[in-house]
PDB file of N, CA and C in Angstrom:
ATOM      1  N   MET A   1     114.091   0.896  -5.237  1.00  0.00           N
ATOM      2  CA  MET A   1     113.521   2.205  -5.104  1.00  0.00           C
ATOM      3  C   MET A   1     113.889   2.756  -3.732  1.00  0.00           C
ATOM      4  N   LYS A   2     114.322   3.988  -3.705  1.00  0.00           N
ATOM      5  CA  LYS A   2     114.714   4.619  -2.454  1.00  0.00           C
ATOM      6  C   LYS A   2     113.579   5.492  -1.924  1.00  0.00           C
ATOM      7  N   LEU A   3     113.607   5.694  -0.605  1.00  0.00           N
ATOM      8  CA  LEU A   3     112.631   6.564   0.040  1.00  0.00           C
ATOM      9  C   LEU A   3     113.198   7.968   0.155  1.00  0.00           C
ATOM     10  N   ASN A   4     112.344   8.963   0.066  1.00  0.00           N
ATOM     11  CA  ASN A   4     112.725  10.334   0.354  1.00  0.00           C
ATOM     12  C   ASN A   4     112.704  10.465   1.872  1.00  0.00           C
ATOM     13  N   VAL A   5     113.872  10.610   2.488  1.00  0.00           N
ATOM     14  CA  VAL A   5     114.001  10.558   3.937  1.00  0.00           C
ATOM     15  C   VAL A   5     113.197  11.670   4.610  1.00  0.00           C
ATOM     16  N   GLY A   6     113.294  12.891   4.103  1.00  0.00           N
ATOM     17  CA  GLY A   6     112.587  14.008   4.709  1.00  0.00           C
ATOM     18  C   GLY A   6     111.079  13.849   4.652  1.00  0.00           C
ATOM     19  N   ALA A   7     110.579  13.462   3.497  1.00  0.00           N
ATOM     20  CA  ALA A   7     109.133  13.300   3.332  1.00  0.00           C
ATOM     21  C   ALA A   7     108.607  12.152   4.187  1.00  0.00           C
ATOM     22  N   PHE A   8     109.339  11.060   4.218  1.00  0.00           N
ATOM     23  CA  PHE A   8     108.903   9.916   5.012  1.00  0.00           C
ATOM     24  C   PHE A   8     108.923  10.251   6.498  1.00  0.00           C
ATOM     25  N   ALA A   9     109.980  10.927   6.936  1.00  0.00           N
ATOM     26  CA  ALA A   9     110.083  11.308   8.348  1.00  0.00           C
ATOM     27  C   ALA A   9     108.945  12.236   8.748  1.00  0.00           C
ATOM     28  N   LEU A  10     108.647  13.215   7.920  1.00  0.00           N
ATOM     29  CA  LEU A  10     107.559  14.140   8.221  1.00  0.00           C
ATOM     30  C   LEU A  10     106.215  13.423   8.243  1.00  0.00           C
ATOM     31  N   ALA A  11     106.001  12.515   7.316  1.00  0.00           N
ATOM     32  CA  ALA A  11     104.735  11.775   7.274  1.00  0.00           C
ATOM     33  C   ALA A  11     104.554  10.923   8.524  1.00  0.00           C
ATOM     34  N   VAL A  12     105.602  10.248   8.955  1.00  0.00           N
ATOM     35  CA  VAL A  12     105.509   9.429  10.167  1.00  0.00           C
ATOM     36  C   VAL A  12     105.290  10.314  11.387  1.00  0.00           C
ATOM     37  N   GLY A  13     105.970  11.459  11.447  1.00  0.00           N
ATOM     38  CA  GLY A  13     105.801  12.379  12.566  1.00  0.00           C
ATOM     39  C   GLY A  13     104.384  12.907  12.661  1.00  0.00           C
ATOM     40  N   VAL A  14     103.821  13.312  11.541  1.00  0.00           N
ATOM     41  CA  VAL A  14     102.445  13.822  11.535  1.00  0.00           C
ATOM     42  C   VAL A  14     101.471  12.714  11.923  1.00  0.00           C
ATOM     43  N   LEU A  15     101.689  11.517  11.398  1.00  0.00           N
ATOM     44  CA  LEU A  15     100.804  10.399  11.706  1.00  0.00           C
ATOM     45  C   LEU A  15     100.861  10.044  13.194  1.00  0.00           C
ATOM     46  N   TRP A  16     102.067   9.971  13.758  1.00  0.00           N
ATOM     47  CA  TRP A  16     102.203   9.610  15.168  1.00  0.00           C
ATOM     48  C   TRP A  16     101.655  10.718  16.075  1.00  0.00           C
ATOM     49  N   GLY A  17     101.923  11.971  15.751  1.00  0.00           N
ATOM     50  CA  GLY A  17     101.406  13.079  16.542  1.00  0.00           C
ATOM     51  C   GLY A  17      99.888  13.134  16.511  1.00  0.00           C
ATOM     52  N   ALA A  18      99.306  12.991  15.330  1.00  0.00           N
ATOM     53  CA  ALA A  18      97.848  13.008  15.206  1.00  0.00           C
ATOM     54  C   ALA A  18      97.233  11.805  15.920  1.00  0.00           C
ATOM     55  N   SER A  19      97.900  10.677  15.879  1.00  0.00           N
ATOM     56  CA  SER A  19      97.395   9.487  16.568  1.00  0.00           C
ATOM     57  C   SER A  19      97.354   9.703  18.072  1.00  0.00           C
ATOM     58  N   LEU A  20      98.429  10.252  18.623  1.00  0.00           N
ATOM     59  CA  LEU A  20      98.447  10.535  20.063  1.00  0.00           C
ATOM     60  C   LEU A  20      97.357  11.535  20.428  1.00  0.00           C
ATOM     61  N   PHE A  21      97.209  12.572  19.641  1.00  0.00           N
ATOM     62  CA  PHE A  21      96.205  13.595  19.900  1.00  0.00           C
ATOM     63  C   PHE A  21      94.803  12.998  19.885  1.00  0.00           C
ATOM     64  N   LEU A  22      94.474  12.269  18.827  1.00  0.00           N
ATOM     65  CA  LEU A  22      93.132  11.692  18.696  1.00  0.00           C
ATOM     66  C   LEU A  22      92.882  10.592  19.722  1.00  0.00           C
ATOM     67  N   MET A  23      93.895   9.790  20.022  1.00  0.00           N
ATOM     68  CA  MET A  23      93.748   8.742  21.022  1.00  0.00           C
ATOM     69  C   MET A  23      93.449   9.347  22.395  1.00  0.00           C
ATOM     70  N   THR A  24      94.109  10.449  22.712  1.00  0.00           N
ATOM     71  CA  THR A  24      93.877  11.110  23.994  1.00  0.00           C
ATOM     72  C   THR A  24      92.444  11.624  24.081  1.00  0.00           C
ATOM     73  N   TRP A  25      91.976  12.271  23.015  1.00  0.00           N
ATOM     74  CA  TRP A  25      90.614  12.790  23.039  1.00  0.00           C
ATOM     75  C   TRP A  25      89.584  11.668  23.045  1.00  0.00           C
ATOM     76  N   TRP A  26      89.878  10.570  22.369  1.00  0.00           N
ATOM     77  CA  TRP A  26      88.980   9.423  22.430  1.00  0.00           C
ATOM     78  C   TRP A  26      88.899   8.902  23.863  1.00  0.00           C
ATOM     79  N   PHE A  27      90.046   8.794  24.513  1.00  0.00           N
ATOM     80  CA  PHE A  27      90.072   8.296  25.887  1.00  0.00           C
ATOM     81  C   PHE A  27      89.336   9.255  26.821  1.00  0.00           C
ATOM     82  N   ILE A  28      89.506  10.571  26.630  1.00  0.00           N
ATOM     83  CA  ILE A  28      88.797  11.561  27.444  1.00  0.00           C
ATOM     84  C   ILE A  28      87.288  11.425  27.240  1.00  0.00           C
ATOM     85  N   GLY A  29      86.857  11.281  25.989  1.00  0.00           N
ATOM     86  CA  GLY A  29      85.434  11.150  25.697  1.00  0.00           C
ATOM     87  C   GLY A  29      84.838   9.861  26.237  1.00  0.00           C
ATOM     88  N   ARG A  30      85.604   8.828  26.227  1.00  0.00           N
ATOM     89  CA  ARG A  30      85.111   7.513  26.656  1.00  0.00           C
ATOM     90  C   ARG A  30      85.094   7.364  28.173  1.00  0.00           C
ATOM     91  N   PHE A  31      86.176   7.796  28.834  1.00  0.00           N
ATOM     92  CA  PHE A  31      86.322   7.544  30.265  1.00  0.00           C
ATOM     93  C   PHE A  31      86.362   8.803  31.120  1.00  0.00           C
ATOM     94  N   GLY A  32      86.506   9.968  30.503  1.00  0.00           N
ATOM     95  CA  GLY A  32      86.596  11.206  31.262  1.00  0.00           C
ATOM     96  C   GLY A  32      88.028  11.485  31.684  1.00  0.00           C
ATOM     97  N   VAL A  33      88.216  12.661  32.276  1.00  0.00           N
ATOM     98  CA  VAL A  33      89.549  13.067  32.713  1.00  0.00           C
ATOM     99  C   VAL A  33      89.708  12.662  34.172  1.00  0.00           C
ATOM    100  N   ASP A  34      90.315  11.521  34.394  1.00  0.00           N
ATOM    101  CA  ASP A  34      90.585  11.051  35.747  1.00  0.00           C
ATOM    102  C   ASP A  34      91.928  10.341  35.719  1.00  0.00           C
ATOM    103  N   GLU A  35      92.966  11.083  36.005  1.00  0.00           N
ATOM    104  CA  GLU A  35      94.318  10.540  35.869  1.00  0.00           C
ATOM    105  C   GLU A  35      94.600   9.413  36.841  1.00  0.00           C
ATOM    106  N   ALA A  36      93.905   9.368  37.968  1.00  0.00           N
ATOM    107  CA  ALA A  36      94.142   8.292  38.922  1.00  0.00           C
ATOM    108  C   ALA A  36      93.665   6.949  38.365  1.00  0.00           C
ATOM    109  N   VAL A  37      92.649   7.004  37.518  1.00  0.00           N
ATOM    110  CA  VAL A  37      92.103   5.777  36.954  1.00  0.00           C
ATOM    111  C   VAL A  37      92.860   5.354  35.704  1.00  0.00           C
ATOM    112  N   ALA A  38      93.419   6.306  34.974  1.00  0.00           N
ATOM    113  CA  ALA A  38      93.964   6.004  33.658  1.00  0.00           C
ATOM    114  C   ALA A  38      95.441   6.347  33.528  1.00  0.00           C
ATOM    115  N   PRO A  39      96.319   5.786  34.346  1.00  0.00           N
ATOM    116  CA  PRO A  39      97.735   6.017  34.081  1.00  0.00           C
ATOM    117  C   PRO A  39      98.156   5.196  32.864  1.00  0.00           C
ATOM    118  N   SER A  40      98.976   5.765  32.050  1.00  0.00           N
ATOM    119  CA  SER A  40      99.397   5.041  30.857  1.00  0.00           C
ATOM    120  C   SER A  40     100.918   5.003  30.778  1.00  0.00           C
ATOM    121  N   MET A  41     101.392   4.103  29.967  1.00  0.00           N
ATOM    122  CA  MET A  41     102.834   4.000  29.747  1.00  0.00           C
ATOM    123  C   MET A  41     103.356   5.248  29.053  1.00  0.00           C
ATOM    124  N   LEU A  42     102.522   5.845  28.209  1.00  0.00           N
ATOM    125  CA  LEU A  42     102.947   7.044  27.499  1.00  0.00           C
ATOM    126  C   LEU A  42     103.229   8.200  28.451  1.00  0.00           C
ATOM    127  N   GLU A  43     102.540   8.247  29.584  1.00  0.00           N
ATOM    128  CA  GLU A  43     102.799   9.289  30.571  1.00  0.00           C
ATOM    129  C   GLU A  43     104.194   9.145  31.154  1.00  0.00           C
ATOM    130  N   ARG A  44     104.715   7.944  31.168  1.00  0.00           N
ATOM    131  CA  ARG A  44     106.070   7.697  31.676  1.00  0.00           C
ATOM    132  C   ARG A  44     107.131   7.993  30.616  1.00  0.00           C
ATOM    133  N   ILE A  45     106.772   7.842  29.359  1.00  0.00           N
ATOM    134  CA  ILE A  45     107.733   8.063  28.268  1.00  0.00           C
ATOM    135  C   ILE A  45     107.807   9.531  27.890  1.00  0.00           C
ATOM    136  N   TYR A  46     106.663  10.177  27.699  1.00  0.00           N
ATOM    137  CA  TYR A  46     106.612  11.557  27.230  1.00  0.00           C
ATOM    138  C   TYR A  46     106.367  12.503  28.409  1.00  0.00           C
ATOM    139  N   VAL A  47     107.341  13.350  28.704  1.00  0.00           N
ATOM    140  CA  VAL A  47     107.253  14.291  29.818  1.00  0.00           C
ATOM    141  C   VAL A  47     106.137  15.297  29.548  1.00  0.00           C
ATOM    142  N   GLY A  48     105.217  15.444  30.491  1.00  0.00           N
ATOM    143  CA  GLY A  48     104.134  16.401  30.369  1.00  0.00           C
ATOM    144  C   GLY A  48     102.873  15.844  29.752  1.00  0.00           C
ATOM    145  N   TYR A  49     102.936  14.649  29.198  1.00  0.00           N
ATOM    146  CA  TYR A  49     101.753  14.047  28.578  1.00  0.00           C
ATOM    147  C   TYR A  49     100.835  13.501  29.658  1.00  0.00           C
ATOM    148  N   GLY A  50      99.560  13.607  29.433  1.00  0.00           N
ATOM    149  CA  GLY A  50      98.562  13.038  30.330  1.00  0.00           C
ATOM    150  C   GLY A  50      97.239  12.954  29.603  1.00  0.00           C
ATOM    151  N   ILE A  51      96.287  12.283  30.224  1.00  0.00           N
ATOM    152  CA  ILE A  51      94.968  12.153  29.623  1.00  0.00           C
ATOM    153  C   ILE A  51      94.157  13.397  30.012  1.00  0.00           C
ATOM    154  N   THR A  52      94.557  14.523  29.459  1.00  0.00           N
ATOM    155  CA  THR A  52      93.910  15.813  29.678  1.00  0.00           C
ATOM    156  C   THR A  52      93.904  16.572  28.361  1.00  0.00           C
ATOM    157  N   PRO A  53      93.095  17.621  28.240  1.00  0.00           N
ATOM    158  CA  PRO A  53      93.146  18.418  27.009  1.00  0.00           C
ATOM    159  C   PRO A  53      94.530  19.012  26.742  1.00  0.00           C
ATOM    160  N   LEU A  54      95.190  19.508  27.772  1.00  0.00           N
ATOM    161  CA  LEU A  54      96.554  20.018  27.593  1.00  0.00           C
ATOM    162  C   LEU A  54      97.512  18.881  27.242  1.00  0.00           C
ATOM    163  N   GLY A  55      97.295  17.723  27.847  1.00  0.00           N
ATOM    164  CA  GLY A  55      98.134  16.561  27.550  1.00  0.00           C
ATOM    165  C   GLY A  55      98.026  16.117  26.105  1.00  0.00           C
ATOM    166  N   SER A  56      96.860  16.335  25.498  1.00  0.00           N
ATOM    167  CA  SER A  56      96.712  15.948  24.088  1.00  0.00           C
ATOM    168  C   SER A  56      97.596  16.816  23.202  1.00  0.00           C
ATOM    169  N   VAL A  57      97.714  18.106  23.539  1.00  0.00           N
ATOM    170  CA  VAL A  57      98.574  19.007  22.760  1.00  0.00           C
ATOM    171  C   VAL A  57     100.039  18.651  22.987  1.00  0.00           C
ATOM    172  N   VAL A  58     100.386  18.336  24.238  1.00  0.00           N
ATOM    173  CA  VAL A  58     101.760  17.909  24.540  1.00  0.00           C
ATOM    174  C   VAL A  58     102.070  16.609  23.793  1.00  0.00           C
ATOM    175  N   GLY A  59     101.106  15.694  23.763  1.00  0.00           N
ATOM    176  CA  GLY A  59     101.289  14.439  23.026  1.00  0.00           C
ATOM    177  C   GLY A  59     101.451  14.672  21.535  1.00  0.00           C
ATOM    178  N   LEU A  60     100.716  15.638  21.001  1.00  0.00           N
ATOM    179  CA  LEU A  60     100.862  15.992  19.589  1.00  0.00           C
ATOM    180  C   LEU A  60     102.291  16.460  19.305  1.00  0.00           C
ATOM    181  N   ALA A  61     102.812  17.334  20.164  1.00  0.00           N
ATOM    182  CA  ALA A  61     104.177  17.846  19.972  1.00  0.00           C
ATOM    183  C   ALA A  61     105.206  16.726  20.109  1.00  0.00           C
ATOM    184  N   TRP A  62     105.071  15.902  21.148  1.00  0.00           N
ATOM    185  CA  TRP A  62     105.999  14.786  21.317  1.00  0.00           C
ATOM    186  C   TRP A  62     105.897  13.795  20.162  1.00  0.00           C
ATOM    187  N   GLY A  63     104.692  13.547  19.687  1.00  0.00           N
ATOM    188  CA  GLY A  63     104.511  12.625  18.566  1.00  0.00           C
ATOM    189  C   GLY A  63     105.148  13.138  17.291  1.00  0.00           C
ATOM    190  N   LEU A  64     105.003  14.443  17.022  1.00  0.00           N
ATOM    191  CA  LEU A  64     105.663  15.029  15.856  1.00  0.00           C
ATOM    192  C   LEU A  64     107.174  14.875  15.959  1.00  0.00           C
ATOM    193  N   PHE A  65     107.705  15.161  17.146  1.00  0.00           N
ATOM    194  CA  PHE A  65     109.155  15.100  17.353  1.00  0.00           C
ATOM    195  C   PHE A  65     109.681  13.672  17.241  1.00  0.00           C
ATOM    196  N   SER A  66     109.129  12.769  18.044  1.00  0.00           N
ATOM    197  CA  SER A  66     109.663  11.403  18.065  1.00  0.00           C
ATOM    198  C   SER A  66     109.338  10.651  16.773  1.00  0.00           C
ATOM    199  N   GLY A  67     108.171  10.873  16.202  1.00  0.00           N
ATOM    200  CA  GLY A  67     107.828  10.205  14.947  1.00  0.00           C
ATOM    201  C   GLY A  67     108.701  10.649  13.792  1.00  0.00           C
ATOM    202  N   THR A  68     109.054  11.944  13.779  1.00  0.00           N
ATOM    203  CA  THR A  68     109.934  12.447  12.722  1.00  0.00           C
ATOM    204  C   THR A  68     111.319  11.829  12.835  1.00  0.00           C
ATOM    205  N   ILE A  69     111.825  11.743  14.044  1.00  0.00           N
ATOM    206  CA  ILE A  69     113.152  11.140  14.233  1.00  0.00           C
ATOM    207  C   ILE A  69     113.131   9.663  13.864  1.00  0.00           C
ATOM    208  N   LEU A  70     112.150   8.927  14.362  1.00  0.00           N
ATOM    209  CA  LEU A  70     112.092   7.495  14.059  1.00  0.00           C
ATOM    210  C   LEU A  70     111.828   7.231  12.579  1.00  0.00           C
ATOM    211  N   GLY A  71     110.994   8.044  11.953  1.00  0.00           N
ATOM    212  CA  GLY A  71     110.755   7.897  10.514  1.00  0.00           C
ATOM    213  C   GLY A  71     112.005   8.167   9.699  1.00  0.00           C
ATOM    214  N   GLY A  72     112.783   9.178  10.110  1.00  0.00           N
ATOM    215  CA  GLY A  72     114.039   9.477   9.418  1.00  0.00           C
ATOM    216  C   GLY A  72     115.060   8.367   9.566  1.00  0.00           C
ATOM    217  N   VAL A  73     115.149   7.801  10.768  1.00  0.00           N
ATOM    218  CA  VAL A  73     116.077   6.683  10.996  1.00  0.00           C
ATOM    219  C   VAL A  73     115.658   5.480  10.163  1.00  0.00           C
ATOM    220  N   PHE A  74     114.361   5.184  10.162  1.00  0.00           N
ATOM    221  CA  PHE A  74     113.879   4.036   9.384  1.00  0.00           C
ATOM    222  C   PHE A  74     114.153   4.219   7.894  1.00  0.00           C
ATOM    223  N   ALA A  75     113.833   5.401   7.353  1.00  0.00           N
ATOM    224  CA  ALA A  75     114.037   5.641   5.918  1.00  0.00           C
ATOM    225  C   ALA A  75     115.520   5.594   5.560  1.00  0.00           C
ATOM    226  N   SER A  76     116.377   6.108   6.435  1.00  0.00           N
ATOM    227  CA  SER A  76     117.822   6.060   6.178  1.00  0.00           C
ATOM    228  C   SER A  76     118.325   4.625   6.154  1.00  0.00           C
ATOM    229  N   LEU A  77     117.885   3.826   7.118  1.00  0.00           N
ATOM    230  CA  LEU A  77     118.288   2.412   7.136  1.00  0.00           C
ATOM    231  C   LEU A  77     117.741   1.671   5.922  1.00  0.00           C
ATOM    232  N   TYR A  78     116.512   1.978   5.542  1.00  0.00           N
ATOM    233  CA  TYR A  78     115.927   1.343   4.361  1.00  0.00           C
ATOM    234  C   TYR A  78     116.760   1.662   3.119  1.00  0.00           C
ATOM    235  N   ASN A  79     117.118   2.934   2.945  1.00  0.00           N
ATOM    236  CA  ASN A  79     117.918   3.326   1.783  1.00  0.00           C
ATOM    237  C   ASN A  79     119.297   2.684   1.822  1.00  0.00           C
ATOM    238  N   PHE A  80     119.884   2.574   3.002  1.00  0.00           N
ATOM    239  CA  PHE A  80     121.197   1.950   3.137  1.00  0.00           C
ATOM    240  C   PHE A  80     121.149   0.499   2.664  1.00  0.00           C
ATOM    241  N   PHE A  81     120.167  -0.245   3.156  1.00  0.00           N
ATOM    242  CA  PHE A  81     120.077  -1.650   2.771  1.00  0.00           C
ATOM    243  C   PHE A  81     119.575  -1.820   1.340  1.00  0.00           C
ATOM    244  N   ALA A  82     118.775  -0.898   0.843  1.00  0.00           N
ATOM    245  CA  ALA A  82     118.336  -0.975  -0.549  1.00  0.00           C
ATOM    246  C   ALA A  82     119.521  -0.804  -1.487  1.00  0.00           C
ATOM    247  N   ASP A  83     120.477   0.078  -1.135  1.00  0.00           N
ATOM    248  CA  ASP A  83     121.680   0.243  -1.951  1.00  0.00           C
ATOM    249  C   ASP A  83     122.528  -1.014  -1.958  1.00  0.00           C
ATOM    250  N   ARG A  84     122.575  -1.698  -0.844  1.00  0.00           N
ATOM    251  CA  ARG A  84     123.445  -2.866  -0.723  1.00  0.00           C
ATOM    252  C   ARG A  84     122.869  -4.130  -1.370  1.00  0.00           C
ATOM    253  N   PHE A  85     121.573  -4.333  -1.249  1.00  0.00           N
ATOM    254  CA  PHE A  85     121.015  -5.634  -1.605  1.00  0.00           C
ATOM    255  C   PHE A  85     120.024  -5.634  -2.756  1.00  0.00           C
ATOM    256  N   VAL A  86     119.611  -4.489  -3.246  1.00  0.00           N
ATOM    257  CA  VAL A  86     118.615  -4.441  -4.314  1.00  0.00           C
ATOM    258  C   VAL A  86     119.259  -3.860  -5.563  1.00  0.00           C
ATOM    259  N   ALA A  87     119.096  -4.551  -6.683  1.00  0.00           N
ATOM    260  CA  ALA A  87     119.635  -4.072  -7.948  1.00  0.00           C
ATOM    261  C   ALA A  87     118.771  -2.922  -8.447  1.00  0.00           C
ATOM    262  N   GLU A  88     119.397  -1.788  -8.763  1.00  0.00           N
ATOM    263  CA  GLU A  88     118.645  -0.626  -9.263  1.00  0.00           C
ATOM    264  C   GLU A  88     118.059  -0.891 -10.635  1.00  0.00           C
ATOM    265  N   ASN A  89     118.842  -1.477 -11.532  1.00  0.00           N
ATOM    266  CA  ASN A  89     118.373  -1.745 -12.888  1.00  0.00           C
ATOM    267  C   ASN A  89     118.314  -3.255 -13.102  1.00  0.00           C
ATOM    268  N   PRO A  90     117.151  -3.837 -12.919  1.00  0.00           N
ATOM    269  CA  PRO A  90     117.051  -5.282 -13.142  1.00  0.00           C
ATOM    270  C   PRO A  90     117.277  -5.596 -14.613  1.00  0.00           C
ATOM    271  N   PRO A  91     117.720  -6.806 -14.914  1.00  0.00           N
ATOM    272  CA  PRO A  91     117.953  -7.163 -16.315  1.00  0.00           C
ATOM    273  C   PRO A  91     116.669  -7.040 -17.125  1.00  0.00           C
ATOM    274  N   ALA A  92     116.842  -6.584 -18.344  1.00  0.00           N
ATOM    275  CA  ALA A  92     115.679  -6.389 -19.218  1.00  0.00           C
ATOM    276  C   ALA A  92     115.130  -7.737 -19.659  1.00  0.00           C
ATOM    277  N   ALA A  93     113.854  -7.794 -19.781  1.00  0.00           N
ATOM    278  CA  ALA A  93     113.200  -9.021 -20.237  1.00  0.00           C
ATOM    279  C   ALA A  93     113.428  -9.183 -21.735  1.00  0.00           C
ATOM    280  N   ALA A  94     113.529 -10.395 -22.171  1.00  0.00           N
ATOM    281  CA  ALA A  94     113.708 -10.674 -23.598  1.00  0.00           C
ATOM    282  C   ALA A  94     112.428 -10.291 -24.331  1.00  0.00           C
ATOM    283  N   PRO A  95     112.565  -9.676 -25.503  1.00  0.00           N
ATOM    284  CA  PRO A  95     111.358  -9.293 -26.242  1.00  0.00           C
ATOM    285  C   PRO A  95     110.561 -10.529 -26.651  1.00  0.00           C
ATOM    286  N   VAL A  96     109.275 -10.387 -26.592  1.00  0.00           N
ATOM    287  CA  VAL A  96     108.387 -11.494 -26.932  1.00  0.00           C
ATOM    288  C   VAL A  96     108.060 -11.405 -28.412  1.00  0.00           C
ATOM    289  N   LYS A  97     108.285 -12.508 -29.138  1.00  0.00           N
ATOM    290  CA  LYS A  97     107.937 -12.557 -30.549  1.00  0.00           C
ATOM    291  C   LYS A  97     106.506 -13.021 -30.655  1.00  0.00           C
ATOM    292  N   ARG A  98     105.719 -12.207 -31.334  1.00  0.00           N
ATOM    293  CA  ARG A  98     104.307 -12.544 -31.478  1.00  0.00           C
ATOM    294  C   ARG A  98     104.050 -13.088 -32.867  1.00  0.00           C
ATOM    295  N   LYS A  99     103.254 -14.077 -32.908  1.00  0.00           N
ATOM    296  CA  LYS A  99     102.885 -14.647 -34.192  1.00  0.00           C
ATOM    297  C   LYS A  99     101.795 -13.776 -34.797  1.00  0.00           C
ATOM    298  N   SER A 100     101.951 -13.482 -36.070  1.00  0.00           N
ATOM    299  CA  SER A 100     100.923 -12.670 -36.720  1.00  0.00           C
ATOM    300  C   SER A 100      99.782 -13.578 -37.146  1.00  0.00           C
ATOM    301  N   SER A 101      98.601 -13.050 -37.031  1.00  0.00           N
ATOM    302  CA  SER A 101      97.429 -13.850 -37.392  1.00  0.00           C
ATOM    303  C   SER A 101      97.251 -13.831 -38.911  1.00  0.00           C
ATOM    304  N   SER A 102      96.496 -14.765 -39.392  1.00  0.00           N
ATOM    305  CA  SER A 102      96.283 -14.843 -40.839  1.00  0.00           C
ATOM    306  C   SER A 102      95.434 -13.668 -41.331  1.00  0.00           C
ATOM    307  N   ALA A 103      94.575 -13.126 -40.468  1.00  0.00           N
ATOM    308  CA  ALA A 103      93.746 -11.978 -40.868  1.00  0.00           C
ATOM    309  C   ALA A 103      94.625 -10.750 -41.104  1.00  0.00           C
ATOM    310  N   SER A 104      95.606 -10.538 -40.252  1.00  0.00           N
ATOM    311  CA  SER A 104      96.476  -9.371 -40.450  1.00  0.00           C
ATOM    312  C   SER A 104      97.344  -9.560 -41.690  1.00  0.00           C
ATOM    313  N   LYS A 105      97.715 -10.797 -42.004  1.00  0.00           N
ATOM    314  CA  LYS A 105      98.482 -11.058 -43.223  1.00  0.00           C
ATOM    315  C   LYS A 105      97.643 -10.725 -44.454  1.00  0.00           C
ATOM    316  N   ARG A 106      96.359 -11.106 -44.396  1.00  0.00           N
ATOM    317  CA  ARG A 106      95.489 -10.826 -45.529  1.00  0.00           C
ATOM    318  C   ARG A 106      95.301  -9.326 -45.712  1.00  0.00           C
ATOM    319  N   ARG A 107      95.142  -8.574 -44.575  1.00  0.00           N
ATOM    320  CA  ARG A 107      94.970  -7.127 -44.674  1.00  0.00           C
ATOM    321  C   ARG A 107      96.216  -6.470 -45.255  1.00  0.00           C
ATOM    322  N   SER A 108      97.389  -6.917 -44.833  1.00  0.00           N
ATOM    323  CA  SER A 108      98.609  -6.304 -45.357  1.00  0.00           C
ATOM    324  C   SER A 108      98.804  -6.653 -46.832  1.00  0.00           C
ATOM    325  N   ALA A 109      98.431  -7.866 -47.228  1.00  0.00           N
ATOM    326  CA  ALA A 109      98.537  -8.236 -48.648  1.00  0.00           C
ATOM    327  C   ALA A 109      97.576  -7.410 -49.484  1.00  0.00           C
ATOM    328  N   ALA A 110      96.363  -7.161 -48.949  1.00  0.00           N
ATOM    329  CA  ALA A 110      95.384  -6.354 -49.677  1.00  0.00           C
ATOM    330  C   ALA A 110      95.868  -4.916 -49.803  1.00  0.00           C
ATOM    331  N   ALA A 111      96.485  -4.394 -48.759  1.00  0.00           N
ATOM    332  CA  ALA A 111      96.996  -3.020 -48.801  1.00  0.00           C
ATOM    333  C   ALA A 111      98.132  -2.914 -49.810  1.00  0.00           C
ATOM    334  N   GLN A 112      98.969  -3.931 -49.904  1.00  0.00           N
ATOM    335  CA  GLN A 112     100.059  -3.892 -50.861  1.00  0.00           C
ATOM    336  C   GLN A 112      99.551  -3.972 -52.279  1.00  0.00           C
ATOM    337  N   SER A 113      98.531  -4.772 -52.501  1.00  0.00           N
ATOM    338  CA  SER A 113      97.993  -4.888 -53.853  1.00  0.00           C
ATOM    339  C   SER A 113      97.310  -3.589 -54.273  1.00  0.00           C
ATOM    340  N   LYS A 114      96.684  -2.870 -53.335  1.00  0.00           N
ATOM    341  CA  LYS A 114      96.083  -1.579 -53.675  1.00  0.00           C
ATOM    342  C   LYS A 114      97.168  -0.587 -54.053  1.00  0.00           C
ATOM    343  N   ARG A 115      98.256  -0.596 -53.297  1.00  0.00           N
ATOM    344  CA  ARG A 115      99.340   0.354 -53.580  1.00  0.00           C
ATOM    345  C   ARG A 115      99.977   0.058 -54.934  1.00  0.00           C
ATOM    346  N   SER A 116     100.120  -1.222 -55.256  1.00  0.00           N
ATOM    347  CA  SER A 116     100.775  -1.574 -56.518  1.00  0.00           C
ATOM    348  C   SER A 116      99.868  -1.282 -57.720  1.00  0.00           C
ATOM    349  N   SER A 117      98.536  -1.302 -57.520  1.00  0.00           N
ATOM    350  CA  SER A 117      97.636  -1.049 -58.634  1.00  0.00           C
ATOM    351  C   SER A 117      97.517   0.431 -58.936  1.00  0.00           C
ATOM    352  N   ARG A 118      97.922   1.286 -58.070  1.00  0.00           N
ATOM    353  CA  ARG A 118      97.827   2.737 -58.311  1.00  0.00           C
ATOM    354  C   ARG A 118      98.833   3.212 -59.265  1.00  0.00           C
TER     355      ARG A 118
END
């Protein structure tokens, strides 16, 4: 099964952007806005991001951008390797022969005898 690259990329971008946004507001609510106390690695990666209300919006934008790109790369690689190593149409299973019960045999015999008596 292949992934829809555009849909997957957009979903990852929205998820990563919303995560950055909510994480920033959680951190603001928990510890307050004090950048001297709370430097993060994300502030070094994403230009303009910080543990501030404006930083949460910047983080949302960066998360949408970087998550969309990374999601698209992941889905493309997944589809590439799925084409190479996964069989699209697996072999069909052999049909299972079921034994008929004696009750169903009796019902069919009774139905045939009714039809023949008409």
